[in-house]
Amino acid sequence: MTGKASPAKTAEGDRPVFAYIESLPEPQKSIARQVDALAARALPDLRRAVKWGMAYYGVRDGWCFTSGAFVGHLKLMFIRGNELQPEPPVTPVGMGKATRGVELASMNELDEDQVRLWMAQAAMKPFVTAAMKNK
């Protein structure tokens, strides 16, 4: 683990995300598994991918949030997080002006009810890339 995202290769689908999660050390692996399970319950038509060394989650219309492991914590970042209520507390460096999220060092820090609410809100206004618009 470094201060940077994992070197996991970019790939779409469930299998690459599950492999990425299983490659993580503890406690990041347990936190990532729980985040993934929450996403599966919160997002209709869940899409998964590995991009830029992190797990990405979305719906048919676009990407909603990302989960990435770093030294000592897991970042859960909402792509349009500045539009969520309440706004998640962390503004990450280098992830876009609108991105907000939480940094989780243990399972005890994961507020499942709040995270599910943020996930549901994010699914209603996903980030749509230019490539997605042209499909």
C-alpha atoms as a PDB file:
ATOM      1  CA  MET A   1       0.000   0.000   0.000  1.00  0.00           C
ATOM      2  CA  THR A   2       1.226   3.460  -0.886  1.00  0.00           C
ATOM      3  CA  GLY A   3      -0.217   6.929  -0.781  1.00  0.00           C
ATOM      4  CA  LYS A   4      -1.357   6.361  -4.374  1.00  0.00           C
ATOM      5  CA  ALA A   5      -4.164   4.284  -5.832  1.00  0.00           C
ATOM      6  CA  SER A   6      -3.526   0.634  -6.650  1.00  0.00           C
ATOM      7  CA  PRO A   7      -1.889  -0.389  -9.947  1.00  0.00           C
ATOM      8  CA  ALA A   8      -4.977  -2.508 -10.770  1.00  0.00           C
ATOM      9  CA  LYS A   9      -5.714  -2.502 -14.496  1.00  0.00           C
ATOM     10  CA  THR A  10      -8.720  -0.670 -15.884  1.00  0.00           C
ATOM     11  CA  ALA A  11     -11.582  -3.080 -16.563  1.00  0.00           C
ATOM     12  CA  GLU A  12     -15.386  -3.020 -16.578  1.00  0.00           C
ATOM     13  CA  GLY A  13     -17.571  -5.456 -14.664  1.00  0.00           C
ATOM     14  CA  ASP A  14     -18.042  -7.215 -11.353  1.00  0.00           C
ATOM     15  CA  ARG A  15     -15.109  -9.638 -11.604  1.00  0.00           C
ATOM     16  CA  PRO A  16     -12.329  -6.980 -11.814  1.00  0.00           C
ATOM     17  CA  VAL A  17     -13.814  -5.060  -8.873  1.00  0.00           C
ATOM     18  CA  PHE A  18     -14.103  -8.210  -6.754  1.00  0.00           C
ATOM     19  CA  ALA A  19     -10.471  -9.095  -7.621  1.00  0.00           C
ATOM     20  CA  TYR A  20      -9.366  -5.560  -6.715  1.00  0.00           C
ATOM     21  CA  ILE A  21     -11.143  -5.768  -3.346  1.00  0.00           C
ATOM     22  CA  GLU A  22      -9.641  -9.183  -2.570  1.00  0.00           C
ATOM     23  CA  SER A  23      -6.144  -7.831  -3.330  1.00  0.00           C
ATOM     24  CA  LEU A  24      -6.380  -5.234  -0.559  1.00  0.00           C
ATOM     25  CA  PRO A  25      -4.815  -5.587   2.900  1.00  0.00           C
ATOM     26  CA  GLU A  26      -6.907  -5.424   6.054  1.00  0.00           C
ATOM     27  CA  PRO A  27      -8.692  -3.364   7.250  1.00  0.00           C
ATOM     28  CA  GLN A  28      -9.197  -1.796   3.790  1.00  0.00           C
ATOM     29  CA  LYS A  29     -10.426  -5.126   2.369  1.00  0.00           C
ATOM     30  CA  SER A  30     -13.211  -5.483   4.958  1.00  0.00           C
ATOM     31  CA  ILE A  31     -14.274  -1.864   4.526  1.00  0.00           C
ATOM     32  CA  ALA A  32     -14.259  -2.207   0.713  1.00  0.00           C
ATOM     33  CA  ARG A  33     -16.334  -5.397   0.905  1.00  0.00           C
ATOM     34  CA  GLN A  34     -18.924  -3.613   3.045  1.00  0.00           C
ATOM     35  CA  VAL A  35     -18.988  -0.572   0.755  1.00  0.00           C
ATOM     36  CA  ASP A  36     -19.514  -2.907  -2.216  1.00  0.00           C
ATOM     37  CA  ALA A  37     -22.368  -4.706  -0.410  1.00  0.00           C
ATOM     38  CA  LEU A  38     -24.001  -1.359   0.422  1.00  0.00           C
ATOM     39  CA  ALA A  39     -23.686  -0.303  -3.221  1.00  0.00           C
ATOM     40  CA  ALA A  40     -25.335  -3.529  -4.384  1.00  0.00           C
ATOM     41  CA  ARG A  41     -28.314  -2.820  -2.121  1.00  0.00           C
ATOM     42  CA  ALA A  42     -28.530   0.933  -2.789  1.00  0.00           C
ATOM     43  CA  LEU A  43     -28.079   1.208  -6.564  1.00  0.00           C
ATOM     44  CA  PRO A  44     -30.541  -0.226  -9.046  1.00  0.00           C
ATOM     45  CA  ASP A  45     -28.773  -1.732 -12.075  1.00  0.00           C
ATOM     46  CA  LEU A  46     -25.367  -1.392 -10.388  1.00  0.00           C
ATOM     47  CA  ARG A  47     -22.373  -1.055 -12.705  1.00  0.00           C
ATOM     48  CA  ARG A  48     -18.842  -1.744 -11.480  1.00  0.00           C
ATOM     49  CA  ALA A  49     -15.433  -1.002 -12.962  1.00  0.00           C
ATOM     50  CA  VAL A  50     -11.821  -0.550 -11.977  1.00  0.00           C
ATOM     51  CA  LYS A  51     -10.499   2.815 -13.149  1.00  0.00           C
ATOM     52  CA  TRP A  52      -7.394   4.696 -12.098  1.00  0.00           C
ATOM     53  CA  GLY A  53      -6.579   1.973  -9.551  1.00  0.00           C
ATOM     54  CA  MET A  54      -9.913   2.233  -7.687  1.00  0.00           C
ATOM     55  CA  ALA A  55     -13.342   0.604  -7.771  1.00  0.00           C
ATOM     56  CA  TYR A  56     -15.968   2.727  -9.524  1.00  0.00           C
ATOM     57  CA  TYR A  57     -19.702   2.319  -9.013  1.00  0.00           C
ATOM     58  CA  GLY A  58     -22.511   3.643 -11.118  1.00  0.00           C
ATOM     59  CA  VAL A  59     -25.857   3.199 -12.748  1.00  0.00           C
ATOM     60  CA  ARG A  60     -26.750   2.855 -16.412  1.00  0.00           C
ATOM     61  CA  ASP A  61     -26.590   6.633 -16.915  1.00  0.00           C
ATOM     62  CA  GLY A  62     -23.175   7.291 -15.351  1.00  0.00           C
ATOM     63  CA  TRP A  63     -20.698   6.946 -12.475  1.00  0.00           C
ATOM     64  CA  CYS A  64     -21.697   7.807  -8.904  1.00  0.00           C
ATOM     65  CA  PHE A  65     -18.782   7.135  -6.544  1.00  0.00           C
ATOM     66  CA  THR A  66     -15.444   5.448  -6.135  1.00  0.00           C
ATOM     67  CA  SER A  67     -13.798   3.368  -3.441  1.00  0.00           C
ATOM     68  CA  GLY A  68     -10.031   3.216  -3.215  1.00  0.00           C
ATOM     69  CA  ALA A  69      -7.562   1.868  -0.686  1.00  0.00           C
ATOM     70  CA  PHE A  70      -4.620   3.942   0.518  1.00  0.00           C
ATOM     71  CA  VAL A  71      -2.138   3.624   3.366  1.00  0.00           C
ATOM     72  CA  GLY A  72      -4.147   3.246   6.558  1.00  0.00           C
ATOM     73  CA  HIS A  73      -7.577   4.037   5.124  1.00  0.00           C
ATOM     74  CA  LEU A  74     -10.143   3.585   2.375  1.00  0.00           C
ATOM     75  CA  LYS A  75     -11.457   6.613   0.501  1.00  0.00           C
ATOM     76  CA  LEU A  76     -15.138   6.573  -0.438  1.00  0.00           C
ATOM     77  CA  MET A  77     -15.591   9.529  -2.779  1.00  0.00           C
ATOM     78  CA  PHE A  78     -18.773  10.755  -4.436  1.00  0.00           C
ATOM     79  CA  ILE A  79     -18.116  12.292  -7.855  1.00  0.00           C
ATOM     80  CA  ARG A  80     -20.797  14.992  -7.472  1.00  0.00           C
ATOM     81  CA  GLY A  81     -20.509  14.981  -3.692  1.00  0.00           C
ATOM     82  CA  ASN A  82     -20.899  18.728  -3.282  1.00  0.00           C
ATOM     83  CA  GLU A  83     -24.546  18.225  -4.344  1.00  0.00           C
ATOM     84  CA  LEU A  84     -25.331  15.636  -1.641  1.00  0.00           C
ATOM     85  CA  GLN A  85     -27.148  16.403   1.612  1.00  0.00           C
ATOM     86  CA  PRO A  86     -25.533  16.519   4.029  1.00  0.00           C
ATOM     87  CA  GLU A  87     -22.360  17.150   2.089  1.00  0.00           C
ATOM     88  CA  PRO A  88     -19.683  14.529   2.836  1.00  0.00           C
ATOM     89  CA  PRO A  89     -16.867  16.093   4.899  1.00  0.00           C
ATOM     90  CA  VAL A  90     -13.711  15.302   2.892  1.00  0.00           C
ATOM     91  CA  THR A  91     -12.629  17.233  -0.213  1.00  0.00           C
ATOM     92  CA  PRO A  92      -9.947  15.053  -1.808  1.00  0.00           C
ATOM     93  CA  VAL A  93      -6.901  16.424  -3.599  1.00  0.00           C
ATOM     94  CA  GLY A  94      -6.791  15.787  -7.345  1.00  0.00           C
ATOM     95  CA  MET A  95     -10.244  14.251  -7.782  1.00  0.00           C
ATOM     96  CA  GLY A  96     -12.284  17.163  -9.113  1.00  0.00           C
ATOM     97  CA  LYS A  97     -13.788  20.243  -7.512  1.00  0.00           C
ATOM     98  CA  ALA A  98     -17.195  18.649  -6.890  1.00  0.00           C
ATOM     99  CA  THR A  99     -15.913  15.405  -5.331  1.00  0.00           C
ATOM    100  CA  ARG A 100     -16.580  14.854  -1.631  1.00  0.00           C
ATOM    101  CA  GLY A 101     -16.397  11.802   0.564  1.00  0.00           C
ATOM    102  CA  VAL A 102     -15.124  10.099   3.663  1.00  0.00           C
ATOM    103  CA  GLU A 103     -11.865   8.433   4.645  1.00  0.00           C
ATOM    104  CA  LEU A 104     -12.402   5.261   6.650  1.00  0.00           C
ATOM    105  CA  ALA A 105      -9.646   3.717   8.766  1.00  0.00           C
ATOM    106  CA  SER A 106     -11.843   1.049  10.387  1.00  0.00           C
ATOM    107  CA  MET A 107     -15.232  -0.620  10.046  1.00  0.00           C
ATOM    108  CA  ASN A 108     -16.391   1.350  13.117  1.00  0.00           C
ATOM    109  CA  GLU A 109     -16.103   4.581  11.116  1.00  0.00           C
ATOM    110  CA  LEU A 110     -18.510   3.362   8.408  1.00  0.00           C
ATOM    111  CA  ASP A 111     -21.922   4.963   9.011  1.00  0.00           C
ATOM    112  CA  GLU A 112     -23.939   2.572   6.842  1.00  0.00           C
ATOM    113  CA  ASP A 113     -27.193   4.526   7.037  1.00  0.00           C
ATOM    114  CA  GLN A 114     -25.526   7.772   5.941  1.00  0.00           C
ATOM    115  CA  VAL A 115     -23.504   6.078   3.205  1.00  0.00           C
ATOM    116  CA  ARG A 116     -26.651   4.392   1.813  1.00  0.00           C
ATOM    117  CA  LEU A 117     -28.390   7.787   1.702  1.00  0.00           C
ATOM    118  CA  TRP A 118     -25.452   9.333  -0.150  1.00  0.00           C
ATOM    119  CA  MET A 119     -25.356   6.394  -2.578  1.00  0.00           C
ATOM    120  CA  ALA A 120     -29.074   6.736  -3.333  1.00  0.00           C
ATOM    121  CA  GLN A 121     -28.702  10.495  -3.884  1.00  0.00           C
ATOM    122  CA  ALA A 122     -25.652   9.954  -6.115  1.00  0.00           C
ATOM    123  CA  ALA A 123     -27.580   7.424  -8.239  1.00  0.00           C
ATOM    124  CA  MET A 124     -30.177  10.104  -9.001  1.00  0.00           C
ATOM    125  CA  LYS A 125     -27.509  12.426 -10.479  1.00  0.00           C
ATOM    126  CA  PRO A 126     -24.630  10.359 -11.840  1.00  0.00           C
ATOM    127  CA  PHE A 127     -21.597  11.843 -13.558  1.00  0.00           C
ATOM    128  CA  VAL A 128     -21.863  11.244 -17.290  1.00  0.00           C
ATOM    129  CA  THR A 129     -18.680  11.157 -19.362  1.00  0.00           C
ATOM    130  CA  ALA A 130     -18.541  12.351 -22.978  1.00  0.00           C
ATOM    131  CA  ALA A 131     -18.197   8.709 -24.119  1.00  0.00           C
ATOM    132  CA  MET A 132     -21.373   7.778 -22.223  1.00  0.00           C
ATOM    133  CA  LYS A 133     -23.294  10.664 -23.813  1.00  0.00           C
ATOM    134  CA  ASN A 134     -22.372   9.428 -27.297  1.00  0.00           C
ATOM    135  CA  LYS A 135     -23.713   5.881 -26.763  1.00  0.00           C
END
